[in-house]
Amino acid sequence: MTTWPGHAVLQVPVPALEGVVRERYEWYDASLVALDPGHVHAHVTVLGPVPAALTPAQDAAVSAVCADTPAIDLELAEVATFPNGVIHVLPADPRPFDRLTDALVEALPGHPPYGGVFRPVPHVTIDATGPGVDEESVRRELATVLPARCRADRVELVWYRRGETRVLRRWTLG
């Protein structure tokens, strides 16, 4: 059996959906639950994969992007499903995330979103289709949570690997 080597991403925490998302992590793969108490599992990935150890120049570039990007007042209400079966919640306005991704791609050349396989759609992953789980069942479960509103005020560099998930670095937006 091969071991998943892990990966790092730049993400924006979405604390308004943390309870729902962390519950999914605990159910499906508790080894990915972060030991770091400051880690928010609910997030919008803005760029990944990226190096887990940024060079000083890369760190400075990400710092500059974050300093120039205002915090995002976020509303999440729409449940949708990607063709691969990933059920997610979309921000009402994806443009701030699109702009942040574009700026980070420019700051970290050679690290296109999702390895250049596809353009990211800003979203918070909730679940995946399977026995007893579909978009409608997730929509019903989230009826008391959505619409969710929060202020996205930081970007985090997060390492994901079974038993090792943790925040490596944080930058404040704005």
N, C-alpha and C. Protein backbone atom coordinates (compact mmCIF):
# COMPACT_ATOMS: atom_id res chain seq x y z
N MET A 1 0.84 -1.18 0.00
CA MET A 1 0.00 0.00 0.00
C MET A 1 0.88 1.24 0.00
N THR A 2 0.60 2.20 -0.90
CA THR A 2 1.36 3.44 -0.93
C THR A 2 0.73 4.44 0.02
N THR A 3 1.56 5.26 0.60
CA THR A 3 1.11 6.28 1.54
C THR A 3 0.93 7.59 0.79
N TRP A 4 -0.18 8.25 1.03
CA TRP A 4 -0.43 9.56 0.43
C TRP A 4 0.60 10.53 0.97
N PRO A 5 1.36 11.20 0.09
CA PRO A 5 2.44 12.06 0.56
C PRO A 5 1.96 13.38 1.18
N GLY A 6 0.71 13.74 0.95
CA GLY A 6 0.20 15.00 1.46
C GLY A 6 0.41 16.14 0.49
N HIS A 7 -0.18 17.28 0.82
CA HIS A 7 -0.01 18.47 -0.01
C HIS A 7 -0.34 19.71 0.82
N ALA A 8 0.11 20.85 0.33
CA ALA A 8 -0.18 22.12 0.98
C ALA A 8 -1.04 22.97 0.06
N VAL A 9 -1.91 23.76 0.67
CA VAL A 9 -2.77 24.68 -0.07
C VAL A 9 -2.83 26.02 0.66
N LEU A 10 -3.20 27.04 -0.09
CA LEU A 10 -3.56 28.33 0.49
C LEU A 10 -5.07 28.37 0.52
N GLN A 11 -5.63 28.61 1.69
CA GLN A 11 -7.08 28.58 1.84
C GLN A 11 -7.55 29.72 2.72
N VAL A 12 -8.83 30.04 2.55
CA VAL A 12 -9.49 31.05 3.36
C VAL A 12 -10.46 30.32 4.28
N PRO A 13 -10.26 30.41 5.59
CA PRO A 13 -11.17 29.74 6.53
C PRO A 13 -12.59 30.33 6.47
N VAL A 14 -13.58 29.46 6.64
CA VAL A 14 -14.99 29.86 6.65
C VAL A 14 -15.60 29.33 7.95
N PRO A 15 -15.41 30.06 9.04
CA PRO A 15 -15.83 29.55 10.35
C PRO A 15 -17.34 29.31 10.46
N ALA A 16 -18.15 29.96 9.64
CA ALA A 16 -19.59 29.80 9.73
C ALA A 16 -20.04 28.38 9.42
N LEU A 17 -19.23 27.61 8.69
CA LEU A 17 -19.60 26.23 8.34
C LEU A 17 -18.71 25.19 9.02
N GLU A 18 -17.91 25.61 10.00
CA GLU A 18 -16.96 24.71 10.62
C GLU A 18 -17.61 23.49 11.26
N GLY A 19 -18.73 23.67 11.97
CA GLY A 19 -19.37 22.53 12.63
C GLY A 19 -19.74 21.43 11.65
N VAL A 20 -20.33 21.81 10.54
CA VAL A 20 -20.77 20.84 9.54
C VAL A 20 -19.57 20.14 8.89
N VAL A 21 -18.57 20.92 8.49
CA VAL A 21 -17.43 20.35 7.77
C VAL A 21 -16.58 19.48 8.70
N ARG A 22 -16.32 19.97 9.89
CA ARG A 22 -15.50 19.16 10.82
C ARG A 22 -16.19 17.82 11.13
N GLU A 23 -17.51 17.84 11.26
CA GLU A 23 -18.26 16.59 11.48
C GLU A 23 -18.01 15.60 10.35
N ARG A 24 -17.95 16.11 9.10
CA ARG A 24 -17.69 15.24 7.95
C ARG A 24 -16.28 14.65 8.03
N TYR A 25 -15.31 15.51 8.36
CA TYR A 25 -13.94 15.01 8.51
C TYR A 25 -13.91 13.88 9.54
N GLU A 26 -14.53 14.11 10.68
CA GLU A 26 -14.51 13.11 11.75
C GLU A 26 -15.18 11.81 11.31
N TRP A 27 -16.21 11.90 10.50
CA TRP A 27 -16.95 10.72 10.05
C TRP A 27 -16.18 9.95 8.98
N TYR A 28 -15.68 10.69 7.96
CA TYR A 28 -15.07 10.02 6.82
C TYR A 28 -13.60 9.65 7.03
N ASP A 29 -12.84 10.54 7.62
CA ASP A 29 -11.41 10.27 7.78
C ASP A 29 -10.86 11.11 8.93
N ALA A 30 -11.05 10.62 10.14
CA ALA A 30 -10.63 11.36 11.33
C ALA A 30 -9.12 11.63 11.34
N SER A 31 -8.36 10.89 10.53
CA SER A 31 -6.92 11.14 10.49
C SER A 31 -6.60 12.49 9.86
N LEU A 32 -7.57 13.10 9.18
CA LEU A 32 -7.37 14.42 8.59
C LEU A 32 -7.86 15.55 9.49
N VAL A 33 -8.43 15.22 10.65
CA VAL A 33 -8.83 16.26 11.59
C VAL A 33 -7.55 16.85 12.16
N ALA A 34 -7.44 18.16 12.07
CA ALA A 34 -6.21 18.83 12.50
C ALA A 34 -6.06 18.80 14.01
N LEU A 35 -4.85 18.57 14.46
CA LEU A 35 -4.54 18.66 15.88
C LEU A 35 -4.39 20.11 16.30
N ASP A 36 -4.15 20.99 15.35
CA ASP A 36 -4.01 22.42 15.58
C ASP A 36 -5.37 23.00 15.94
N PRO A 37 -5.57 23.48 17.17
CA PRO A 37 -6.88 23.99 17.56
C PRO A 37 -7.31 25.25 16.81
N GLY A 38 -6.38 25.93 16.18
CA GLY A 38 -6.71 27.12 15.41
C GLY A 38 -7.11 26.85 13.98
N HIS A 39 -6.99 25.60 13.55
CA HIS A 39 -7.32 25.25 12.17
C HIS A 39 -8.83 25.21 11.98
N VAL A 40 -9.31 25.82 10.90
CA VAL A 40 -10.72 25.78 10.52
C VAL A 40 -10.83 24.85 9.32
N HIS A 41 -11.52 23.74 9.49
CA HIS A 41 -11.64 22.74 8.42
C HIS A 41 -12.49 23.26 7.25
N ALA A 42 -13.51 24.06 7.54
CA ALA A 42 -14.35 24.64 6.49
C ALA A 42 -13.55 25.77 5.83
N HIS A 43 -13.37 25.68 4.53
CA HIS A 43 -12.54 26.66 3.86
C HIS A 43 -12.85 26.73 2.37
N VAL A 44 -12.38 27.83 1.76
CA VAL A 44 -12.33 27.96 0.31
C VAL A 44 -10.86 27.89 -0.08
N THR A 45 -10.51 26.91 -0.88
CA THR A 45 -9.14 26.82 -1.37
C THR A 45 -8.95 27.91 -2.42
N VAL A 46 -7.92 28.74 -2.24
CA VAL A 46 -7.65 29.79 -3.22
C VAL A 46 -6.46 29.45 -4.12
N LEU A 47 -5.58 28.55 -3.67
CA LEU A 47 -4.52 28.07 -4.54
C LEU A 47 -3.91 26.81 -3.96
N GLY A 48 -3.76 25.82 -4.79
CA GLY A 48 -3.12 24.60 -4.36
C GLY A 48 -2.98 23.67 -5.54
N PRO A 49 -2.01 22.79 -5.51
CA PRO A 49 -1.02 22.67 -4.43
C PRO A 49 0.04 23.76 -4.54
N VAL A 50 0.62 24.07 -3.39
CA VAL A 50 1.72 25.02 -3.29
C VAL A 50 2.80 24.39 -2.41
N PRO A 51 4.00 24.94 -2.42
CA PRO A 51 5.04 24.38 -1.56
C PRO A 51 4.68 24.52 -0.08
N ALA A 52 4.94 23.50 0.69
CA ALA A 52 4.69 23.57 2.13
C ALA A 52 5.69 24.51 2.80
N ALA A 53 6.86 24.61 2.24
CA ALA A 53 7.89 25.52 2.76
C ALA A 53 8.12 26.59 1.69
N LEU A 54 7.51 27.74 1.89
CA LEU A 54 7.69 28.83 0.94
C LEU A 54 9.08 29.44 1.11
N THR A 55 9.66 29.86 0.01
CA THR A 55 10.92 30.59 0.08
C THR A 55 10.63 31.97 0.68
N PRO A 56 11.62 32.67 1.16
CA PRO A 56 11.38 34.04 1.65
C PRO A 56 10.73 34.93 0.60
N ALA A 57 11.13 34.79 -0.66
CA ALA A 57 10.53 35.60 -1.73
C ALA A 57 9.06 35.22 -1.94
N GLN A 58 8.75 33.92 -1.91
CA GLN A 58 7.36 33.49 -2.06
C GLN A 58 6.52 33.98 -0.89
N ASP A 59 7.05 33.87 0.32
CA ASP A 59 6.33 34.34 1.50
C ASP A 59 6.05 35.83 1.39
N ALA A 60 7.04 36.60 0.96
CA ALA A 60 6.86 38.05 0.80
C ALA A 60 5.81 38.36 -0.26
N ALA A 61 5.79 37.57 -1.33
CA ALA A 61 4.80 37.79 -2.40
C ALA A 61 3.39 37.50 -1.90
N VAL A 62 3.22 36.40 -1.15
CA VAL A 62 1.90 36.08 -0.59
C VAL A 62 1.51 37.15 0.43
N SER A 63 2.45 37.58 1.23
CA SER A 63 2.18 38.64 2.22
C SER A 63 1.66 39.91 1.53
N ALA A 64 2.30 40.28 0.43
CA ALA A 64 1.89 41.48 -0.30
C ALA A 64 0.48 41.33 -0.87
N VAL A 65 0.19 40.16 -1.43
CA VAL A 65 -1.15 39.92 -1.98
C VAL A 65 -2.19 40.04 -0.86
N CYS A 66 -1.94 39.41 0.26
CA CYS A 66 -2.90 39.44 1.37
C CYS A 66 -3.07 40.85 1.92
N ALA A 67 -1.99 41.60 2.03
CA ALA A 67 -2.08 42.97 2.53
C ALA A 67 -2.91 43.85 1.59
N ASP A 68 -2.88 43.55 0.29
CA ASP A 68 -3.62 44.33 -0.70
C ASP A 68 -5.04 43.84 -0.93
N THR A 69 -5.42 42.75 -0.27
CA THR A 69 -6.74 42.16 -0.47
C THR A 69 -7.60 42.43 0.75
N PRO A 70 -8.74 43.12 0.58
CA PRO A 70 -9.59 43.37 1.75
C PRO A 70 -10.26 42.08 2.24
N ALA A 71 -10.62 42.08 3.52
CA ALA A 71 -11.40 40.97 4.08
C ALA A 71 -12.67 40.83 3.25
N ILE A 72 -13.20 39.62 3.23
CA ILE A 72 -14.36 39.31 2.39
C ILE A 72 -15.57 39.05 3.27
N ASP A 73 -16.61 39.89 3.10
CA ASP A 73 -17.89 39.61 3.77
C ASP A 73 -18.60 38.58 2.91
N LEU A 74 -18.77 37.42 3.50
CA LEU A 74 -19.14 36.23 2.76
C LEU A 74 -20.54 35.77 3.12
N GLU A 75 -21.31 35.43 2.10
CA GLU A 75 -22.59 34.77 2.30
C GLU A 75 -22.60 33.50 1.48
N LEU A 76 -22.95 32.39 2.14
CA LEU A 76 -23.03 31.10 1.48
C LEU A 76 -24.46 30.59 1.59
N ALA A 77 -25.06 30.27 0.46
CA ALA A 77 -26.45 29.82 0.50
C ALA A 77 -26.77 28.70 -0.47
N GLU A 78 -26.08 28.65 -1.61
CA GLU A 78 -26.43 27.71 -2.66
C GLU A 78 -25.66 26.40 -2.54
N VAL A 79 -26.39 25.29 -2.47
CA VAL A 79 -25.79 23.96 -2.47
C VAL A 79 -25.75 23.47 -3.91
N ALA A 80 -24.62 22.92 -4.32
CA ALA A 80 -24.45 22.43 -5.69
C ALA A 80 -23.58 21.17 -5.66
N THR A 81 -23.50 20.51 -6.81
CA THR A 81 -22.69 19.29 -6.93
C THR A 81 -21.83 19.38 -8.18
N PHE A 82 -20.52 19.13 -8.02
CA PHE A 82 -19.63 19.06 -9.17
C PHE A 82 -19.87 17.75 -9.90
N PRO A 83 -19.46 17.67 -11.18
CA PRO A 83 -19.63 16.42 -11.94
C PRO A 83 -18.99 15.20 -11.26
N ASN A 84 -17.94 15.41 -10.45
CA ASN A 84 -17.29 14.28 -9.77
C ASN A 84 -18.01 13.85 -8.49
N GLY A 85 -19.16 14.49 -8.18
CA GLY A 85 -19.96 14.10 -7.03
C GLY A 85 -19.68 14.88 -5.75
N VAL A 86 -18.76 15.82 -5.77
CA VAL A 86 -18.47 16.62 -4.58
C VAL A 86 -19.59 17.64 -4.37
N ILE A 87 -20.22 17.54 -3.21
CA ILE A 87 -21.32 18.44 -2.85
C ILE A 87 -20.71 19.60 -2.07
N HIS A 88 -21.09 20.81 -2.44
CA HIS A 88 -20.44 21.99 -1.90
C HIS A 88 -21.43 23.14 -1.77
N VAL A 89 -20.99 24.18 -1.07
CA VAL A 89 -21.77 25.41 -0.94
C VAL A 89 -20.99 26.52 -1.63
N LEU A 90 -21.70 27.31 -2.41
CA LEU A 90 -21.09 28.37 -3.19
C LEU A 90 -21.27 29.73 -2.50
N PRO A 91 -20.25 30.58 -2.59
CA PRO A 91 -20.44 31.95 -2.09
C PRO A 91 -21.37 32.70 -3.03
N ALA A 92 -22.18 33.59 -2.47
CA ALA A 92 -23.09 34.39 -3.30
C ALA A 92 -22.31 35.21 -4.32
N ASP A 93 -21.13 35.69 -3.92
CA ASP A 93 -20.28 36.46 -4.82
C ASP A 93 -18.90 35.81 -4.86
N PRO A 94 -18.60 35.07 -5.92
CA PRO A 94 -17.29 34.40 -6.00
C PRO A 94 -16.15 35.33 -6.42
N ARG A 95 -16.46 36.53 -6.88
CA ARG A 95 -15.42 37.40 -7.47
C ARG A 95 -14.27 37.73 -6.53
N PRO A 96 -14.50 38.00 -5.23
CA PRO A 96 -13.33 38.26 -4.38
C PRO A 96 -12.37 37.07 -4.31
N PHE A 97 -12.89 35.87 -4.35
CA PHE A 97 -12.04 34.67 -4.32
C PHE A 97 -11.32 34.49 -5.66
N ASP A 98 -12.03 34.78 -6.76
CA ASP A 98 -11.39 34.70 -8.08
C ASP A 98 -10.22 35.69 -8.16
N ARG A 99 -10.44 36.92 -7.67
CA ARG A 99 -9.37 37.92 -7.71
C ARG A 99 -8.19 37.50 -6.83
N LEU A 100 -8.50 36.94 -5.66
CA LEU A 100 -7.44 36.48 -4.76
C LEU A 100 -6.64 35.34 -5.40
N THR A 101 -7.32 34.40 -6.01
CA THR A 101 -6.63 33.30 -6.70
C THR A 101 -5.75 33.84 -7.82
N ASP A 102 -6.29 34.75 -8.63
CA ASP A 102 -5.49 35.31 -9.72
C ASP A 102 -4.23 36.00 -9.20
N ALA A 103 -4.36 36.77 -8.13
CA ALA A 103 -3.21 37.47 -7.55
C ALA A 103 -2.19 36.48 -6.98
N LEU A 104 -2.67 35.40 -6.35
CA LEU A 104 -1.75 34.41 -5.80
C LEU A 104 -1.05 33.61 -6.89
N VAL A 105 -1.74 33.34 -7.98
CA VAL A 105 -1.11 32.65 -9.12
C VAL A 105 0.03 33.52 -9.67
N GLU A 106 -0.21 34.82 -9.76
CA GLU A 106 0.83 35.74 -10.23
C GLU A 106 1.99 35.80 -9.23
N ALA A 107 1.67 35.74 -7.93
CA ALA A 107 2.70 35.80 -6.88
C ALA A 107 3.52 34.52 -6.79
N LEU A 108 2.92 33.40 -7.17
CA LEU A 108 3.60 32.10 -7.09
C LEU A 108 3.64 31.44 -8.47
N PRO A 109 4.42 32.00 -9.39
CA PRO A 109 4.46 31.40 -10.73
C PRO A 109 4.94 29.95 -10.66
N GLY A 110 4.37 29.16 -11.53
CA GLY A 110 4.74 27.74 -11.54
C GLY A 110 3.85 26.89 -10.65
N HIS A 111 2.86 27.52 -10.02
CA HIS A 111 1.93 26.79 -9.15
C HIS A 111 0.49 27.11 -9.56
N PRO A 112 0.07 26.62 -10.73
CA PRO A 112 -1.30 26.91 -11.17
C PRO A 112 -2.32 26.18 -10.29
N PRO A 113 -3.53 26.73 -10.20
CA PRO A 113 -4.57 26.07 -9.40
C PRO A 113 -4.78 24.62 -9.84
N TYR A 114 -4.83 23.73 -8.87
CA TYR A 114 -5.07 22.31 -9.12
C TYR A 114 -4.12 21.75 -10.18
N GLY A 115 -2.88 22.24 -10.15
CA GLY A 115 -1.87 21.76 -11.09
C GLY A 115 -2.18 22.09 -12.53
N GLY A 116 -3.08 23.04 -12.78
CA GLY A 116 -3.45 23.43 -14.13
C GLY A 116 -4.49 22.54 -14.76
N VAL A 117 -5.04 21.61 -13.98
CA VAL A 117 -6.03 20.67 -14.51
C VAL A 117 -7.35 21.37 -14.80
N PHE A 118 -7.80 22.27 -13.90
CA PHE A 118 -9.02 23.01 -14.14
C PHE A 118 -9.01 24.30 -13.34
N ARG A 119 -9.83 25.23 -13.76
CA ARG A 119 -9.97 26.51 -13.09
C ARG A 119 -10.81 26.30 -11.82
N PRO A 120 -10.35 26.81 -10.70
CA PRO A 120 -11.12 26.59 -9.47
C PRO A 120 -12.45 27.36 -9.46
N VAL A 121 -13.43 26.75 -8.84
CA VAL A 121 -14.71 27.38 -8.56
C VAL A 121 -14.74 27.59 -7.05
N PRO A 122 -14.78 28.84 -6.58
CA PRO A 122 -14.80 29.05 -5.13
C PRO A 122 -15.97 28.32 -4.49
N HIS A 123 -15.65 27.52 -3.47
CA HIS A 123 -16.68 26.72 -2.81
C HIS A 123 -16.16 26.21 -1.47
N VAL A 124 -17.08 25.77 -0.63
CA VAL A 124 -16.76 25.05 0.60
C VAL A 124 -17.26 23.63 0.40
N THR A 125 -16.37 22.65 0.42
CA THR A 125 -16.76 21.26 0.26
C THR A 125 -17.51 20.80 1.50
N ILE A 126 -18.65 20.12 1.28
CA ILE A 126 -19.47 19.63 2.38
C ILE A 126 -19.45 18.10 2.44
N ASP A 127 -19.64 17.44 1.30
CA ASP A 127 -19.76 15.98 1.28
C ASP A 127 -19.54 15.49 -0.13
N ALA A 128 -19.84 14.23 -0.37
CA ALA A 128 -19.78 13.63 -1.70
C ALA A 128 -20.98 12.71 -1.87
N THR A 129 -21.45 12.63 -3.10
CA THR A 129 -22.60 11.76 -3.34
C THR A 129 -22.21 10.31 -3.06
N GLY A 130 -23.16 9.58 -2.56
CA GLY A 130 -22.96 8.17 -2.23
C GLY A 130 -24.25 7.63 -1.65
N PRO A 131 -24.21 6.41 -1.14
CA PRO A 131 -25.42 5.81 -0.57
C PRO A 131 -26.03 6.72 0.51
N GLY A 132 -27.25 7.16 0.26
CA GLY A 132 -27.96 8.00 1.23
C GLY A 132 -27.52 9.46 1.25
N VAL A 133 -26.58 9.83 0.40
CA VAL A 133 -26.09 11.21 0.37
C VAL A 133 -26.21 11.75 -1.05
N ASP A 134 -27.00 12.81 -1.19
CA ASP A 134 -27.09 13.50 -2.47
C ASP A 134 -27.29 14.98 -2.18
N GLU A 135 -27.35 15.76 -3.22
CA GLU A 135 -27.47 17.21 -3.04
C GLU A 135 -28.70 17.57 -2.22
N GLU A 136 -29.81 16.91 -2.46
CA GLU A 136 -31.04 17.23 -1.73
C GLU A 136 -30.91 16.88 -0.25
N SER A 137 -30.31 15.75 0.08
CA SER A 137 -30.17 15.39 1.50
C SER A 137 -29.26 16.38 2.22
N VAL A 138 -28.21 16.84 1.55
CA VAL A 138 -27.32 17.85 2.14
C VAL A 138 -28.06 19.17 2.28
N ARG A 139 -28.83 19.54 1.27
CA ARG A 139 -29.61 20.78 1.35
C ARG A 139 -30.56 20.75 2.55
N ARG A 140 -31.22 19.61 2.77
CA ARG A 140 -32.12 19.49 3.93
C ARG A 140 -31.34 19.61 5.24
N GLU A 141 -30.18 18.96 5.30
CA GLU A 141 -29.37 19.00 6.52
C GLU A 141 -28.88 20.41 6.83
N LEU A 142 -28.59 21.18 5.79
CA LEU A 142 -28.07 22.53 5.98
C LEU A 142 -29.16 23.61 6.09
N ALA A 143 -30.42 23.20 6.05
CA ALA A 143 -31.52 24.17 6.05
C ALA A 143 -31.48 25.11 7.25
N THR A 144 -31.01 24.64 8.39
CA THR A 144 -30.96 25.51 9.56
C THR A 144 -29.65 26.30 9.64
N VAL A 145 -28.71 26.00 8.76
CA VAL A 145 -27.40 26.66 8.78
C VAL A 145 -27.28 27.72 7.68
N LEU A 146 -27.93 27.46 6.54
CA LEU A 146 -27.83 28.37 5.40
C LEU A 146 -29.02 29.31 5.34
N PRO A 147 -28.85 30.53 4.91
CA PRO A 147 -27.58 31.09 4.48
C PRO A 147 -26.65 31.33 5.67
N ALA A 148 -25.37 31.11 5.43
CA ALA A 148 -24.34 31.35 6.45
C ALA A 148 -23.58 32.60 6.05
N ARG A 149 -23.31 33.42 7.04
CA ARG A 149 -22.57 34.65 6.80
C ARG A 149 -21.38 34.72 7.74
N CYS A 150 -20.28 35.22 7.23
CA CYS A 150 -19.10 35.44 8.07
C CYS A 150 -18.16 36.38 7.35
N ARG A 151 -17.15 36.77 8.04
CA ARG A 151 -16.10 37.61 7.46
C ARG A 151 -14.85 36.75 7.28
N ALA A 152 -14.42 36.62 6.05
CA ALA A 152 -13.19 35.89 5.74
C ALA A 152 -12.06 36.89 5.84
N ASP A 153 -11.21 36.72 6.86
CA ASP A 153 -10.23 37.77 7.17
C ASP A 153 -8.78 37.32 7.07
N ARG A 154 -8.55 36.09 6.58
CA ARG A 154 -7.16 35.64 6.50
C ARG A 154 -7.01 34.53 5.45
N VAL A 155 -5.76 34.34 5.07
CA VAL A 155 -5.35 33.22 4.21
C VAL A 155 -4.42 32.37 5.05
N GLU A 156 -4.56 31.06 4.92
CA GLU A 156 -3.69 30.14 5.65
C GLU A 156 -3.00 29.19 4.69
N LEU A 157 -1.76 28.90 5.00
CA LEU A 157 -1.02 27.84 4.32
C LEU A 157 -1.23 26.60 5.18
N VAL A 158 -1.90 25.60 4.64
CA VAL A 158 -2.26 24.41 5.41
C VAL A 158 -1.65 23.17 4.77
N TRP A 159 -1.07 22.35 5.62
CA TRP A 159 -0.52 21.05 5.22
C TRP A 159 -1.57 19.99 5.50
N TYR A 160 -1.92 19.20 4.47
CA TYR A 160 -2.87 18.10 4.61
C TYR A 160 -2.14 16.78 4.41
N ARG A 161 -2.14 15.99 5.42
CA ARG A 161 -1.65 14.61 5.37
C ARG A 161 -2.20 13.90 6.59
N ARG A 162 -2.57 12.66 6.42
CA ARG A 162 -3.17 11.89 7.52
C ARG A 162 -2.29 11.98 8.77
N GLY A 163 -2.90 12.39 9.87
CA GLY A 163 -2.21 12.49 11.14
C GLY A 163 -1.31 13.70 11.29
N GLU A 164 -1.23 14.56 10.25
CA GLU A 164 -0.32 15.70 10.28
C GLU A 164 -0.95 17.01 9.84
N THR A 165 -2.25 17.05 9.61
CA THR A 165 -2.88 18.26 9.09
C THR A 165 -2.70 19.40 10.09
N ARG A 166 -2.21 20.54 9.56
CA ARG A 166 -1.96 21.69 10.44
C ARG A 166 -1.77 22.96 9.62
N VAL A 167 -1.96 24.09 10.30
CA VAL A 167 -1.70 25.39 9.70
C VAL A 167 -0.21 25.66 9.80
N LEU A 168 0.41 26.01 8.68
CA LEU A 168 1.84 26.30 8.64
C LEU A 168 2.13 27.80 8.76
N ARG A 169 1.20 28.62 8.23
CA ARG A 169 1.42 30.06 8.21
C ARG A 169 0.08 30.75 8.01
N ARG A 170 -0.06 31.95 8.59
CA ARG A 170 -1.29 32.74 8.41
C ARG A 170 -0.92 34.15 7.96
N TRP A 171 -1.77 34.71 7.09
CA TRP A 171 -1.65 36.11 6.67
C TRP A 171 -3.01 36.76 6.83
N THR A 172 -3.04 37.96 7.38
CA THR A 172 -4.29 38.71 7.54
C THR A 172 -4.61 39.42 6.23
N LEU A 173 -5.87 39.40 5.84
CA LEU A 173 -6.31 40.15 4.66
C LEU A 173 -6.51 41.62 5.03
N GLY A 174 -6.13 42.47 4.08
CA GLY A 174 -6.38 43.91 4.25
C GLY A 174 -5.41 44.66 5.06
